[in-house]
N, C-alpha and C. Protein backbone atom coordinates (compact mmCIF):
# COMPACT_ATOMS: atom_id res chain seq x y z
N UNK A 1 54.49 122.13 49.69
CA UNK A 1 55.21 121.03 49.11
C UNK A 1 54.61 119.70 49.55
N UNK A 2 53.79 119.70 50.60
CA UNK A 2 53.17 118.48 51.07
C UNK A 2 52.25 117.91 49.99
N UNK A 3 51.51 118.76 49.27
CA UNK A 3 50.63 118.29 48.22
C UNK A 3 51.41 117.59 47.13
N UNK A 4 52.53 118.14 46.73
CA UNK A 4 53.38 117.50 45.72
C UNK A 4 53.86 116.15 46.22
N UNK A 5 54.18 116.07 47.52
CA UNK A 5 54.64 114.81 48.10
C UNK A 5 53.56 113.75 48.01
N UNK A 6 52.34 114.13 48.32
CA UNK A 6 51.23 113.19 48.26
C UNK A 6 51.00 112.75 46.81
N UNK A 7 51.02 113.69 45.87
CA UNK A 7 50.83 113.36 44.47
C UNK A 7 51.94 112.44 43.98
N UNK A 8 53.16 112.76 44.34
CA UNK A 8 54.30 111.94 43.93
C UNK A 8 54.17 110.54 44.51
N UNK A 9 53.82 110.43 45.78
CA UNK A 9 53.68 109.13 46.42
C UNK A 9 52.56 108.32 45.76
N UNK A 10 51.46 108.97 45.44
CA UNK A 10 50.36 108.27 44.78
C UNK A 10 50.76 107.81 43.39
N UNK A 11 51.47 108.66 42.67
CA UNK A 11 51.95 108.28 41.34
C UNK A 11 52.92 107.12 41.43
N UNK A 12 53.80 107.15 42.42
CA UNK A 12 54.76 106.07 42.60
C UNK A 12 54.05 104.77 42.93
N UNK A 13 53.07 104.83 43.80
CA UNK A 13 52.33 103.62 44.17
C UNK A 13 51.65 103.02 42.95
N UNK A 14 51.04 103.87 42.13
CA UNK A 14 50.39 103.39 40.92
C UNK A 14 51.40 102.80 39.95
N UNK A 15 52.52 103.48 39.77
CA UNK A 15 53.55 103.00 38.84
C UNK A 15 54.10 101.66 39.27
N UNK A 16 54.37 101.51 40.56
CA UNK A 16 54.94 100.24 41.02
C UNK A 16 53.92 99.11 40.93
N UNK A 17 52.67 99.42 41.20
CA UNK A 17 51.65 98.38 41.07
C UNK A 17 51.50 97.93 39.63
N UNK A 18 51.54 98.88 38.72
CA UNK A 18 51.41 98.53 37.31
C UNK A 18 52.64 97.82 36.76
N UNK A 19 53.80 98.27 37.14
CA UNK A 19 55.02 97.68 36.59
C UNK A 19 55.26 96.28 37.11
N UNK A 20 54.73 95.96 38.27
CA UNK A 20 54.97 94.63 38.83
C UNK A 20 54.31 93.54 38.01
N UNK A 21 53.37 93.90 37.16
CA UNK A 21 52.72 92.91 36.33
C UNK A 21 53.58 92.52 35.13
N UNK A 22 54.63 93.27 34.87
CA UNK A 22 55.47 93.00 33.70
C UNK A 22 56.94 92.89 34.08
N UNK A 23 57.23 92.12 35.11
CA UNK A 23 58.60 92.01 35.59
C UNK A 23 59.48 91.26 34.59
N UNK A 24 60.69 91.74 34.46
CA UNK A 24 61.74 91.06 33.69
C UNK A 24 63.04 91.75 34.02
N UNK A 25 64.14 91.00 33.97
CA UNK A 25 65.43 91.57 34.33
C UNK A 25 65.78 92.76 33.46
N UNK A 26 65.47 92.71 32.21
CA UNK A 26 65.77 93.82 31.30
C UNK A 26 64.49 94.31 30.61
N UNK A 27 63.48 94.54 31.40
CA UNK A 27 62.22 95.06 30.87
C UNK A 27 62.46 96.43 30.27
N UNK A 28 61.62 96.84 29.32
CA UNK A 28 61.83 98.14 28.67
C UNK A 28 61.83 99.32 29.63
N UNK A 29 61.19 99.16 30.77
CA UNK A 29 61.12 100.25 31.74
C UNK A 29 62.18 100.14 32.84
N UNK A 30 63.06 99.17 32.73
CA UNK A 30 64.04 98.92 33.80
C UNK A 30 64.90 100.15 34.10
N UNK A 31 65.40 100.80 33.06
CA UNK A 31 66.25 101.97 33.30
C UNK A 31 65.46 103.09 33.98
N UNK A 32 64.18 103.19 33.65
CA UNK A 32 63.34 104.23 34.27
C UNK A 32 63.11 103.91 35.75
N UNK A 33 62.93 102.62 36.07
CA UNK A 33 62.77 102.24 37.47
C UNK A 33 64.04 102.49 38.27
N UNK A 34 65.17 102.21 37.66
CA UNK A 34 66.44 102.45 38.35
C UNK A 34 66.67 103.95 38.57
N UNK A 35 66.27 104.74 37.60
CA UNK A 35 66.37 106.20 37.77
C UNK A 35 65.43 106.66 38.88
N UNK A 36 64.24 106.08 38.94
CA UNK A 36 63.30 106.42 39.99
C UNK A 36 63.89 106.10 41.36
N UNK A 37 64.57 104.97 41.47
CA UNK A 37 65.22 104.62 42.74
C UNK A 37 66.26 105.67 43.11
N UNK A 38 67.01 106.14 42.12
CA UNK A 38 68.02 107.17 42.38
C UNK A 38 67.37 108.48 42.82
N UNK A 39 66.29 108.85 42.17
CA UNK A 39 65.55 110.06 42.55
C UNK A 39 65.04 109.94 43.99
N UNK A 40 64.52 108.77 44.35
CA UNK A 40 64.04 108.58 45.72
C UNK A 40 65.17 108.74 46.74
N UNK A 41 66.35 108.23 46.42
CA UNK A 41 67.49 108.40 47.31
C UNK A 41 67.87 109.86 47.45
N UNK A 42 67.86 110.58 46.34
CA UNK A 42 68.17 112.01 46.37
C UNK A 42 67.17 112.77 47.23
N UNK A 43 65.89 112.46 47.03
CA UNK A 43 64.86 113.14 47.81
C UNK A 43 64.96 112.78 49.29
N UNK A 44 65.30 111.55 49.57
CA UNK A 44 65.44 111.14 50.97
C UNK A 44 66.49 112.01 51.68
N UNK A 45 67.60 112.24 51.02
CA UNK A 45 68.63 113.08 51.63
C UNK A 45 68.20 114.55 51.67
N UNK A 46 67.81 115.07 50.53
CA UNK A 46 67.54 116.51 50.42
C UNK A 46 66.35 116.96 51.26
N UNK A 47 65.26 116.21 51.23
CA UNK A 47 64.07 116.64 51.98
C UNK A 47 64.36 116.66 53.48
N UNK A 48 65.11 115.68 53.98
CA UNK A 48 65.47 115.69 55.40
C UNK A 48 66.46 116.82 55.70
N UNK A 49 67.36 117.09 54.79
CA UNK A 49 68.30 118.20 54.97
C UNK A 49 67.55 119.52 55.10
N UNK A 50 66.47 119.65 54.36
CA UNK A 50 65.73 120.91 54.32
C UNK A 50 64.53 120.93 55.27
N UNK A 51 64.55 120.10 56.29
CA UNK A 51 63.55 120.24 57.34
C UNK A 51 62.51 119.16 57.46
N UNK A 52 62.35 118.32 56.47
CA UNK A 52 61.39 117.23 56.59
C UNK A 52 61.98 116.20 57.56
N UNK A 53 61.17 115.68 58.44
CA UNK A 53 61.65 114.63 59.32
C UNK A 53 60.94 113.34 58.96
N UNK A 54 61.67 112.28 59.02
CA UNK A 54 61.07 110.98 58.74
C UNK A 54 61.75 110.28 57.59
N UNK A 55 61.11 109.20 57.19
CA UNK A 55 61.70 108.36 56.15
C UNK A 55 60.71 108.08 55.02
N UNK A 56 59.93 109.08 54.67
CA UNK A 56 58.92 108.94 53.63
C UNK A 56 59.52 108.40 52.33
N UNK A 57 60.65 108.92 51.93
CA UNK A 57 61.22 108.56 50.63
C UNK A 57 61.87 107.19 50.67
N UNK A 58 62.44 106.82 51.80
CA UNK A 58 62.92 105.46 51.98
C UNK A 58 61.73 104.50 51.97
N UNK A 59 60.65 104.93 52.58
CA UNK A 59 59.43 104.13 52.57
C UNK A 59 58.90 103.91 51.16
N UNK A 60 58.98 104.95 50.32
CA UNK A 60 58.55 104.80 48.93
C UNK A 60 59.46 103.81 48.20
N UNK A 61 60.74 103.83 48.53
CA UNK A 61 61.67 102.87 47.94
C UNK A 61 61.31 101.46 48.37
N UNK A 62 60.97 101.28 49.62
CA UNK A 62 60.56 99.97 50.11
C UNK A 62 59.30 99.48 49.39
N UNK A 63 58.37 100.40 49.13
CA UNK A 63 57.16 100.04 48.38
C UNK A 63 57.49 99.63 46.96
N UNK A 64 58.44 100.34 46.35
CA UNK A 64 58.88 99.99 45.00
C UNK A 64 59.47 98.59 44.99
N UNK A 65 60.31 98.28 45.96
CA UNK A 65 60.90 96.94 46.05
C UNK A 65 59.84 95.88 46.29
N UNK A 66 58.89 96.18 47.15
CA UNK A 66 57.82 95.21 47.43
C UNK A 66 56.98 94.95 46.19
N UNK A 67 56.72 95.98 45.41
CA UNK A 67 55.90 95.82 44.20
C UNK A 67 56.65 95.06 43.11
N UNK A 68 57.94 95.26 43.05
CA UNK A 68 58.75 94.64 41.99
C UNK A 68 59.15 93.20 42.31
N UNK A 69 59.24 92.84 43.56
CA UNK A 69 59.69 91.50 43.97
C UNK A 69 60.96 91.09 43.21
N UNK A 70 62.01 91.91 43.28
CA UNK A 70 63.21 91.62 42.49
C UNK A 70 64.01 90.44 43.06
N UNK A 71 64.73 89.76 42.16
CA UNK A 71 65.66 88.74 42.64
C UNK A 71 66.81 89.48 43.33
N UNK A 72 67.74 88.74 43.91
CA UNK A 72 68.80 89.35 44.72
C UNK A 72 69.65 90.33 43.92
N UNK A 73 70.01 89.98 42.70
CA UNK A 73 70.87 90.86 41.90
C UNK A 73 70.15 92.14 41.52
N UNK A 74 68.89 92.02 41.14
CA UNK A 74 68.12 93.20 40.75
C UNK A 74 67.84 94.08 41.97
N UNK A 75 67.56 93.45 43.10
CA UNK A 75 67.33 94.20 44.34
C UNK A 75 68.59 95.01 44.68
N UNK A 76 69.75 94.40 44.51
CA UNK A 76 71.01 95.09 44.78
C UNK A 76 71.17 96.30 43.86
N UNK A 77 70.73 96.19 42.60
CA UNK A 77 70.81 97.33 41.68
C UNK A 77 69.88 98.46 42.13
N UNK A 78 68.67 98.10 42.56
CA UNK A 78 67.74 99.12 43.06
C UNK A 78 68.37 99.86 44.24
N UNK A 79 68.90 99.11 45.19
CA UNK A 79 69.47 99.70 46.39
C UNK A 79 70.70 100.54 46.04
N UNK A 80 71.52 100.05 45.13
CA UNK A 80 72.71 100.82 44.72
C UNK A 80 72.30 102.15 44.09
N UNK A 81 71.24 102.15 43.30
CA UNK A 81 70.78 103.40 42.69
C UNK A 81 70.21 104.35 43.74
N UNK A 82 69.44 103.84 44.69
CA UNK A 82 68.92 104.67 45.77
C UNK A 82 70.09 105.29 46.53
N UNK A 83 71.07 104.47 46.88
CA UNK A 83 72.23 104.96 47.63
C UNK A 83 73.05 105.95 46.82
N UNK A 84 73.16 105.74 45.52
CA UNK A 84 73.88 106.69 44.67
C UNK A 84 73.21 108.06 44.71
N UNK A 85 71.89 108.07 44.62
CA UNK A 85 71.15 109.33 44.70
C UNK A 85 71.37 110.02 46.04
N UNK A 86 71.31 109.25 47.10
CA UNK A 86 71.52 109.80 48.44
C UNK A 86 72.93 110.37 48.57
N UNK A 87 73.92 109.58 48.21
CA UNK A 87 75.31 109.98 48.39
C UNK A 87 75.73 111.13 47.47
N UNK A 88 75.10 111.23 46.33
CA UNK A 88 75.50 112.31 45.42
C UNK A 88 75.23 113.67 46.04
N UNK A 89 74.19 113.77 46.85
CA UNK A 89 73.90 115.05 47.50
C UNK A 89 74.54 115.13 48.88
N UNK A 90 74.73 114.00 49.52
CA UNK A 90 75.39 113.96 50.81
C UNK A 90 76.81 114.52 50.70
N UNK A 91 77.43 114.34 49.56
CA UNK A 91 78.79 114.83 49.35
C UNK A 91 78.84 116.33 49.05
N UNK A 92 77.71 116.90 48.64
CA UNK A 92 77.68 118.30 48.20
C UNK A 92 77.07 119.22 49.25
N UNK A 93 75.94 118.83 49.84
CA UNK A 93 75.19 119.72 50.73
C UNK A 93 75.30 119.29 52.18
N UNK A 94 75.66 120.23 53.03
CA UNK A 94 75.66 119.99 54.47
C UNK A 94 74.59 120.85 55.16
N UNK A 95 74.00 121.76 54.40
CA UNK A 95 72.93 122.62 54.92
C UNK A 95 71.94 122.86 53.78
N UNK A 96 70.71 123.15 54.17
CA UNK A 96 69.70 123.45 53.16
C UNK A 96 69.99 124.84 52.57
N UNK A 97 70.17 124.89 51.30
CA UNK A 97 70.47 126.13 50.59
C UNK A 97 69.41 126.33 49.51
N UNK A 98 69.35 127.50 48.91
CA UNK A 98 68.42 127.70 47.80
C UNK A 98 68.68 126.68 46.67
N UNK A 99 69.92 126.34 46.45
CA UNK A 99 70.25 125.35 45.44
C UNK A 99 69.70 123.97 45.81
N UNK A 100 69.77 123.61 47.07
CA UNK A 100 69.22 122.33 47.52
C UNK A 100 67.70 122.32 47.36
N UNK A 101 67.07 123.44 47.69
CA UNK A 101 65.61 123.56 47.53
C UNK A 101 65.22 123.43 46.06
N UNK A 102 66.01 124.02 45.18
CA UNK A 102 65.75 123.90 43.74
C UNK A 102 65.93 122.45 43.28
N UNK A 103 66.93 121.77 43.81
CA UNK A 103 67.14 120.37 43.47
C UNK A 103 65.94 119.53 43.91
N UNK A 104 65.41 119.83 45.08
CA UNK A 104 64.21 119.11 45.55
C UNK A 104 63.08 119.30 44.56
N UNK A 105 62.85 120.52 44.15
CA UNK A 105 61.77 120.81 43.20
C UNK A 105 61.96 120.03 41.90
N UNK A 106 63.16 120.04 41.40
CA UNK A 106 63.43 119.34 40.14
C UNK A 106 63.27 117.83 40.29
N UNK A 107 63.75 117.28 41.39
CA UNK A 107 63.63 115.84 41.59
C UNK A 107 62.19 115.42 41.84
N UNK A 108 61.42 116.27 42.50
CA UNK A 108 59.99 115.96 42.68
C UNK A 108 59.30 115.89 41.32
N UNK A 109 59.59 116.85 40.46
CA UNK A 109 58.99 116.85 39.12
C UNK A 109 59.45 115.64 38.33
N UNK A 110 60.73 115.33 38.39
CA UNK A 110 61.24 114.18 37.65
C UNK A 110 60.63 112.88 38.18
N UNK A 111 60.54 112.75 39.49
CA UNK A 111 59.94 111.55 40.08
C UNK A 111 58.49 111.38 39.67
N UNK A 112 57.74 112.47 39.67
CA UNK A 112 56.34 112.42 39.23
C UNK A 112 56.27 111.99 37.77
N UNK A 113 57.10 112.58 36.94
CA UNK A 113 57.10 112.25 35.51
C UNK A 113 57.48 110.80 35.29
N UNK A 114 58.49 110.31 35.98
CA UNK A 114 58.89 108.91 35.84
C UNK A 114 57.76 107.98 36.26
N UNK A 115 57.12 108.28 37.37
CA UNK A 115 56.03 107.44 37.86
C UNK A 115 54.88 107.39 36.86
N UNK A 116 54.52 108.55 36.32
CA UNK A 116 53.44 108.59 35.32
C UNK A 116 53.84 107.85 34.05
N UNK A 117 55.09 108.03 33.61
CA UNK A 117 55.57 107.38 32.39
C UNK A 117 55.55 105.86 32.56
N UNK A 118 56.06 105.37 33.65
CA UNK A 118 56.11 103.92 33.88
C UNK A 118 54.70 103.35 33.90
N UNK A 119 53.82 103.99 34.64
CA UNK A 119 52.45 103.51 34.72
C UNK A 119 51.71 103.63 33.40
N UNK A 120 51.90 104.75 32.71
CA UNK A 120 51.19 105.00 31.46
C UNK A 120 51.67 104.14 30.31
N UNK A 121 52.98 103.98 30.16
CA UNK A 121 53.52 103.26 29.03
C UNK A 121 53.60 101.76 29.24
N UNK A 122 53.84 101.34 30.49
CA UNK A 122 54.13 99.93 30.72
C UNK A 122 53.14 99.27 31.69
N UNK A 123 52.12 99.97 32.08
CA UNK A 123 51.21 99.45 33.08
C UNK A 123 50.20 98.44 32.58
N UNK A 124 50.11 98.26 31.30
CA UNK A 124 49.10 97.32 30.78
C UNK A 124 49.63 95.97 30.67
């Protein structure tokens, strides 16, 4: 799963670098960025629950914020989405289960897809 993590992180870095060139409060990719923030929050909780130690996914969220340079209101929306993703699993899982591992797999795939979509469609 480390390889997927590296790929996802690289995709996220590329997506955030590309999207920062087209900032706007209601940019066409805004909902996708907010979903990405939620996915990062979910992964932050689930990956640590299932044995990963550290704050890699919080770090990716910080990189997203740094690339976007959001105003205070938009920054609050990013953080709220990250926290929503985290709390949605915090309320359900107290131990790593096969279901939690499956959720990690699905969120990794979704995060990769979102990162590629944002970079590919809106990076120019």
